[in-house]
N, C-alpha and C. Protein backbone atom coordinates (compact mmCIF):
# COMPACT_ATOMS: atom_id res chain seq x y z
N MET A 1 88.30 -20.12 6.50
CA MET A 1 87.59 -19.15 5.70
C MET A 1 86.16 -19.03 6.23
N PRO A 2 85.67 -17.80 6.42
CA PRO A 2 84.31 -17.64 6.94
C PRO A 2 83.27 -18.13 5.95
N THR A 3 82.19 -18.64 6.49
CA THR A 3 81.12 -19.12 5.62
C THR A 3 80.26 -17.97 5.14
N TYR A 4 79.55 -18.20 4.07
CA TYR A 4 78.67 -17.19 3.50
C TYR A 4 77.56 -16.87 4.48
N GLN A 5 77.27 -15.59 4.65
CA GLN A 5 76.16 -15.15 5.50
C GLN A 5 75.24 -14.28 4.66
N ALA A 6 73.95 -14.46 4.83
CA ALA A 6 72.98 -13.70 4.04
C ALA A 6 73.05 -12.21 4.35
N ASP A 7 73.57 -11.84 5.50
CA ASP A 7 73.59 -10.42 5.86
C ASP A 7 74.98 -9.80 5.69
N ASP A 8 75.80 -10.39 4.82
CA ASP A 8 77.12 -9.80 4.64
C ASP A 8 77.06 -8.58 3.73
N GLY A 9 78.14 -7.83 3.71
CA GLY A 9 78.19 -6.58 2.96
C GLY A 9 77.97 -6.75 1.47
N TRP A 10 78.49 -7.82 0.90
CA TRP A 10 78.33 -8.03 -0.55
C TRP A 10 76.87 -8.26 -0.90
N ASP A 11 76.19 -9.03 -0.08
CA ASP A 11 74.77 -9.27 -0.32
C ASP A 11 74.00 -7.97 -0.22
N ALA A 12 74.31 -7.17 0.78
CA ALA A 12 73.61 -5.90 0.97
C ALA A 12 73.84 -4.97 -0.20
N LEU A 13 75.03 -4.98 -0.77
CA LEU A 13 75.34 -4.09 -1.89
C LEU A 13 74.84 -4.62 -3.23
N GLY A 14 74.22 -5.79 -3.21
CA GLY A 14 73.67 -6.35 -4.44
C GLY A 14 72.45 -5.58 -4.95
N ASP A 15 71.88 -4.74 -4.13
CA ASP A 15 70.70 -3.97 -4.52
C ASP A 15 71.13 -2.57 -4.96
N PRO A 16 70.67 -2.12 -6.14
CA PRO A 16 71.10 -0.80 -6.63
C PRO A 16 70.67 0.36 -5.73
N THR A 17 69.54 0.25 -5.06
CA THR A 17 69.12 1.31 -4.16
C THR A 17 70.05 1.41 -2.97
N ARG A 18 70.46 0.28 -2.44
CA ARG A 18 71.39 0.31 -1.31
C ARG A 18 72.75 0.85 -1.74
N ARG A 19 73.17 0.54 -2.96
CA ARG A 19 74.43 1.13 -3.45
C ARG A 19 74.29 2.64 -3.57
N ALA A 20 73.13 3.12 -4.00
CA ALA A 20 72.89 4.57 -4.09
C ALA A 20 72.92 5.20 -2.71
N ILE A 21 72.36 4.53 -1.73
CA ILE A 21 72.39 5.04 -0.36
C ILE A 21 73.83 5.12 0.14
N VAL A 22 74.61 4.08 -0.12
CA VAL A 22 76.02 4.09 0.29
C VAL A 22 76.77 5.23 -0.39
N ALA A 23 76.48 5.46 -1.66
CA ALA A 23 77.13 6.57 -2.38
C ALA A 23 76.77 7.91 -1.74
N CYS A 24 75.53 8.09 -1.36
CA CYS A 24 75.11 9.33 -0.69
C CYS A 24 75.82 9.49 0.65
N LEU A 25 75.89 8.40 1.40
CA LEU A 25 76.51 8.46 2.72
C LEU A 25 78.03 8.63 2.62
N ALA A 26 78.61 8.27 1.49
CA ALA A 26 80.05 8.48 1.30
C ALA A 26 80.36 9.97 1.22
N GLU A 27 79.38 10.76 0.78
CA GLU A 27 79.57 12.21 0.71
C GLU A 27 79.51 12.84 2.09
N ARG A 28 78.52 12.42 2.88
CA ARG A 28 78.35 12.96 4.24
C ARG A 28 77.25 12.19 4.94
N PRO A 29 77.23 12.22 6.29
CA PRO A 29 76.15 11.58 7.03
C PRO A 29 74.82 12.26 6.70
N ARG A 30 73.73 11.47 6.74
CA ARG A 30 72.41 12.00 6.42
C ARG A 30 71.33 11.29 7.21
N ALA A 31 70.23 12.00 7.38
CA ALA A 31 69.04 11.42 8.01
C ALA A 31 68.21 10.73 6.93
N VAL A 32 67.25 9.93 7.35
CA VAL A 32 66.39 9.19 6.42
C VAL A 32 65.69 10.15 5.45
N GLY A 33 65.16 11.24 5.97
CA GLY A 33 64.46 12.20 5.12
C GLY A 33 65.34 12.79 4.05
N GLU A 34 66.59 13.07 4.39
CA GLU A 34 67.53 13.62 3.41
C GLU A 34 67.80 12.60 2.31
N LEU A 35 67.94 11.35 2.69
CA LEU A 35 68.17 10.30 1.70
C LEU A 35 66.94 10.13 0.81
N ALA A 36 65.76 10.14 1.42
CA ALA A 36 64.52 9.98 0.65
C ALA A 36 64.33 11.12 -0.34
N ASP A 37 64.78 12.32 0.02
CA ASP A 37 64.68 13.46 -0.89
C ASP A 37 65.56 13.28 -2.13
N GLU A 38 66.63 12.51 -2.01
CA GLU A 38 67.57 12.32 -3.11
C GLU A 38 67.30 11.06 -3.93
N LEU A 39 66.46 10.19 -3.40
CA LEU A 39 66.21 8.91 -4.07
C LEU A 39 64.75 8.80 -4.47
N PRO A 40 64.45 8.01 -5.48
CA PRO A 40 63.06 7.88 -5.94
C PRO A 40 62.26 6.85 -5.15
N ILE A 41 62.47 6.80 -3.83
CA ILE A 41 61.74 5.86 -2.98
C ILE A 41 61.25 6.59 -1.74
N SER A 42 60.32 5.98 -1.04
CA SER A 42 59.72 6.59 0.15
C SER A 42 60.64 6.49 1.37
N ARG A 43 60.31 7.27 2.39
CA ARG A 43 61.07 7.21 3.64
C ARG A 43 61.04 5.81 4.26
N PRO A 44 59.86 5.17 4.31
CA PRO A 44 59.86 3.81 4.87
C PRO A 44 60.77 2.85 4.09
N ALA A 45 60.80 3.00 2.76
CA ALA A 45 61.67 2.14 1.95
C ALA A 45 63.14 2.43 2.25
N VAL A 46 63.49 3.71 2.40
CA VAL A 46 64.86 4.07 2.76
C VAL A 46 65.22 3.44 4.11
N SER A 47 64.31 3.52 5.06
CA SER A 47 64.55 2.93 6.38
C SER A 47 64.79 1.43 6.29
N GLN A 48 64.04 0.75 5.45
CA GLN A 48 64.23 -0.69 5.29
C GLN A 48 65.60 -1.00 4.70
N HIS A 49 66.00 -0.22 3.70
CA HIS A 49 67.32 -0.44 3.09
C HIS A 49 68.43 -0.12 4.09
N LEU A 50 68.25 0.92 4.88
CA LEU A 50 69.25 1.26 5.89
C LEU A 50 69.38 0.15 6.93
N ARG A 51 68.28 -0.48 7.25
CA ARG A 51 68.31 -1.59 8.21
C ARG A 51 69.18 -2.74 7.68
N VAL A 52 69.02 -3.05 6.40
CA VAL A 52 69.83 -4.11 5.78
C VAL A 52 71.31 -3.72 5.82
N LEU A 53 71.60 -2.46 5.45
CA LEU A 53 72.99 -1.99 5.46
C LEU A 53 73.57 -1.98 6.87
N LYS A 54 72.74 -1.64 7.84
CA LYS A 54 73.20 -1.63 9.23
C LYS A 54 73.46 -3.06 9.71
N ASP A 55 72.54 -3.97 9.39
CA ASP A 55 72.73 -5.37 9.78
C ASP A 55 73.99 -5.97 9.16
N ALA A 56 74.35 -5.49 7.98
CA ALA A 56 75.56 -5.96 7.29
C ALA A 56 76.81 -5.27 7.81
N GLY A 57 76.64 -4.30 8.69
CA GLY A 57 77.78 -3.61 9.26
C GLY A 57 78.35 -2.50 8.40
N LEU A 58 77.62 -2.07 7.37
CA LEU A 58 78.14 -1.05 6.46
C LEU A 58 77.78 0.37 6.88
N VAL A 59 76.73 0.53 7.67
CA VAL A 59 76.36 1.86 8.16
C VAL A 59 76.12 1.79 9.66
N SER A 60 76.26 2.94 10.29
CA SER A 60 75.92 3.07 11.70
C SER A 60 75.02 4.29 11.83
N ASP A 61 74.38 4.42 12.96
CA ASP A 61 73.49 5.56 13.15
C ASP A 61 73.62 6.07 14.58
N ARG A 62 73.15 7.31 14.75
CA ARG A 62 73.10 7.89 16.10
C ARG A 62 71.94 8.87 16.14
N ALA A 63 71.42 9.03 17.31
CA ALA A 63 70.30 9.94 17.49
C ALA A 63 70.81 11.37 17.54
N GLU A 64 70.12 12.23 16.81
CA GLU A 64 70.36 13.68 16.88
C GLU A 64 68.99 14.33 17.02
N GLY A 65 68.63 14.62 18.24
CA GLY A 65 67.29 15.15 18.50
C GLY A 65 66.25 14.08 18.23
N THR A 66 65.30 14.38 17.36
CA THR A 66 64.22 13.44 17.07
C THR A 66 64.50 12.58 15.84
N ARG A 67 65.66 12.72 15.26
CA ARG A 67 65.96 11.92 14.06
C ARG A 67 67.24 11.13 14.24
N ARG A 68 67.40 10.14 13.39
CA ARG A 68 68.60 9.33 13.39
C ARG A 68 69.42 9.72 12.17
N VAL A 69 70.71 9.90 12.39
CA VAL A 69 71.61 10.26 11.31
C VAL A 69 72.49 9.05 11.02
N TYR A 70 72.56 8.70 9.74
CA TYR A 70 73.30 7.52 9.30
C TYR A 70 74.60 7.94 8.65
N ARG A 71 75.60 7.10 8.83
CA ARG A 71 76.91 7.34 8.22
C ARG A 71 77.52 5.99 7.86
N LEU A 72 78.50 6.01 6.98
CA LEU A 72 79.19 4.76 6.66
C LEU A 72 79.97 4.29 7.88
N ASN A 73 80.01 3.00 8.06
CA ASN A 73 80.79 2.40 9.14
C ASN A 73 82.17 2.08 8.57
N PRO A 74 83.20 2.81 8.98
CA PRO A 74 84.53 2.59 8.41
C PRO A 74 85.02 1.14 8.55
N ALA A 75 84.70 0.49 9.64
CA ALA A 75 85.16 -0.90 9.83
C ALA A 75 84.49 -1.83 8.83
N GLY A 76 83.20 -1.65 8.58
CA GLY A 76 82.49 -2.49 7.62
C GLY A 76 82.98 -2.29 6.20
N VAL A 77 83.22 -1.04 5.84
CA VAL A 77 83.72 -0.73 4.49
C VAL A 77 85.15 -1.26 4.35
N ALA A 78 85.95 -1.13 5.40
CA ALA A 78 87.32 -1.63 5.35
C ALA A 78 87.34 -3.15 5.19
N ALA A 79 86.39 -3.84 5.81
CA ALA A 79 86.33 -5.30 5.67
C ALA A 79 86.06 -5.69 4.21
N LEU A 80 85.16 -4.94 3.54
CA LEU A 80 84.91 -5.22 2.13
C LEU A 80 86.16 -4.95 1.29
N ARG A 81 86.83 -3.86 1.60
CA ARG A 81 88.05 -3.53 0.85
C ARG A 81 89.11 -4.62 1.05
N ASP A 82 89.24 -5.12 2.28
CA ASP A 82 90.20 -6.19 2.54
C ASP A 82 89.87 -7.42 1.70
N GLN A 83 88.58 -7.74 1.60
CA GLN A 83 88.18 -8.88 0.78
C GLN A 83 88.51 -8.64 -0.69
N LEU A 84 88.24 -7.44 -1.18
CA LEU A 84 88.58 -7.12 -2.57
C LEU A 84 90.07 -7.22 -2.81
N ASP A 85 90.86 -6.71 -1.86
CA ASP A 85 92.32 -6.81 -2.00
C ASP A 85 92.76 -8.27 -2.05
N MET A 86 92.14 -9.11 -1.22
CA MET A 86 92.47 -10.53 -1.24
C MET A 86 92.15 -11.14 -2.60
N PHE A 87 90.95 -10.84 -3.14
CA PHE A 87 90.56 -11.37 -4.45
C PHE A 87 91.53 -10.89 -5.51
N TRP A 88 91.87 -9.61 -5.47
CA TRP A 88 92.76 -9.03 -6.47
C TRP A 88 94.14 -9.68 -6.40
N ASN A 89 94.67 -9.84 -5.19
CA ASN A 89 95.98 -10.45 -5.03
C ASN A 89 96.00 -11.89 -5.51
N ARG A 90 94.93 -12.61 -5.25
CA ARG A 90 94.84 -14.00 -5.75
C ARG A 90 94.80 -14.02 -7.26
N ALA A 91 94.03 -13.11 -7.85
CA ALA A 91 93.93 -13.06 -9.32
C ALA A 91 95.29 -12.73 -9.93
N LEU A 92 96.01 -11.77 -9.36
CA LEU A 92 97.34 -11.42 -9.87
C LEU A 92 98.31 -12.58 -9.73
N SER A 93 98.24 -13.25 -8.60
CA SER A 93 99.11 -14.40 -8.38
C SER A 93 98.83 -15.50 -9.40
N SER A 94 97.55 -15.76 -9.64
CA SER A 94 97.18 -16.78 -10.63
C SER A 94 97.64 -16.39 -12.02
N TYR A 95 97.50 -15.11 -12.35
CA TYR A 95 97.95 -14.63 -13.65
C TYR A 95 99.46 -14.80 -13.79
N GLN A 96 100.20 -14.47 -12.74
CA GLN A 96 101.65 -14.63 -12.78
C GLN A 96 102.03 -16.09 -12.96
N ASP A 97 101.30 -16.98 -12.29
CA ASP A 97 101.57 -18.42 -12.44
C ASP A 97 101.34 -18.87 -13.88
N VAL A 98 100.22 -18.45 -14.46
CA VAL A 98 99.90 -18.84 -15.84
C VAL A 98 100.91 -18.23 -16.81
N ALA A 99 101.27 -16.98 -16.61
CA ALA A 99 102.25 -16.33 -17.49
C ALA A 99 103.60 -17.01 -17.38
N GLY A 100 103.98 -17.40 -16.17
CA GLY A 100 105.25 -18.10 -15.98
C GLY A 100 105.25 -19.45 -16.66
N GLU A 101 104.14 -20.19 -16.61
CA GLU A 101 104.03 -21.48 -17.26
C GLU A 101 104.12 -21.32 -18.77
N ALA A 102 103.49 -20.29 -19.31
CA ALA A 102 103.51 -20.05 -20.76
C ALA A 102 104.93 -19.74 -21.23
N ASN A 103 105.69 -18.99 -20.44
CA ASN A 103 107.07 -18.68 -20.81
C ASN A 103 107.96 -19.91 -20.75
N GLU A 104 107.70 -20.82 -19.81
CA GLU A 104 108.48 -22.05 -19.68
C GLU A 104 108.23 -23.01 -20.83
N GLU A 105 107.04 -22.97 -21.41
CA GLU A 105 106.68 -23.87 -22.50
C GLU A 105 107.26 -23.45 -23.84
N LYS A 106 107.67 -22.21 -24.00
CA LYS A 106 108.23 -21.73 -25.27
C LYS A 106 109.57 -22.39 -25.51
N PRO A 107 109.80 -22.87 -26.76
CA PRO A 107 111.09 -23.55 -27.06
C PRO A 107 112.25 -22.60 -27.17
């Protein structure tokens, strides 16, 4: 099992502003200025949040002229989904085990 890393996707999504940025990028790719226009924070603050999301592997960027356009990184988002699926499957399995034990105990 991989060890906890401070720059993992879950840690990055712990901030509500970064979740808002991810929600915006889920609609379509955007530049920093476009994101800043939609959020109640400055362009430098958006850039800092994007850096955290990029370091966590959740967004990627590319140059388009003089600006950088950010988009969700499908591989990073898929990794989070895989982790959620694993948690969900474990929870269901545990529930089935407990439910099965409860049925066995009934006289």
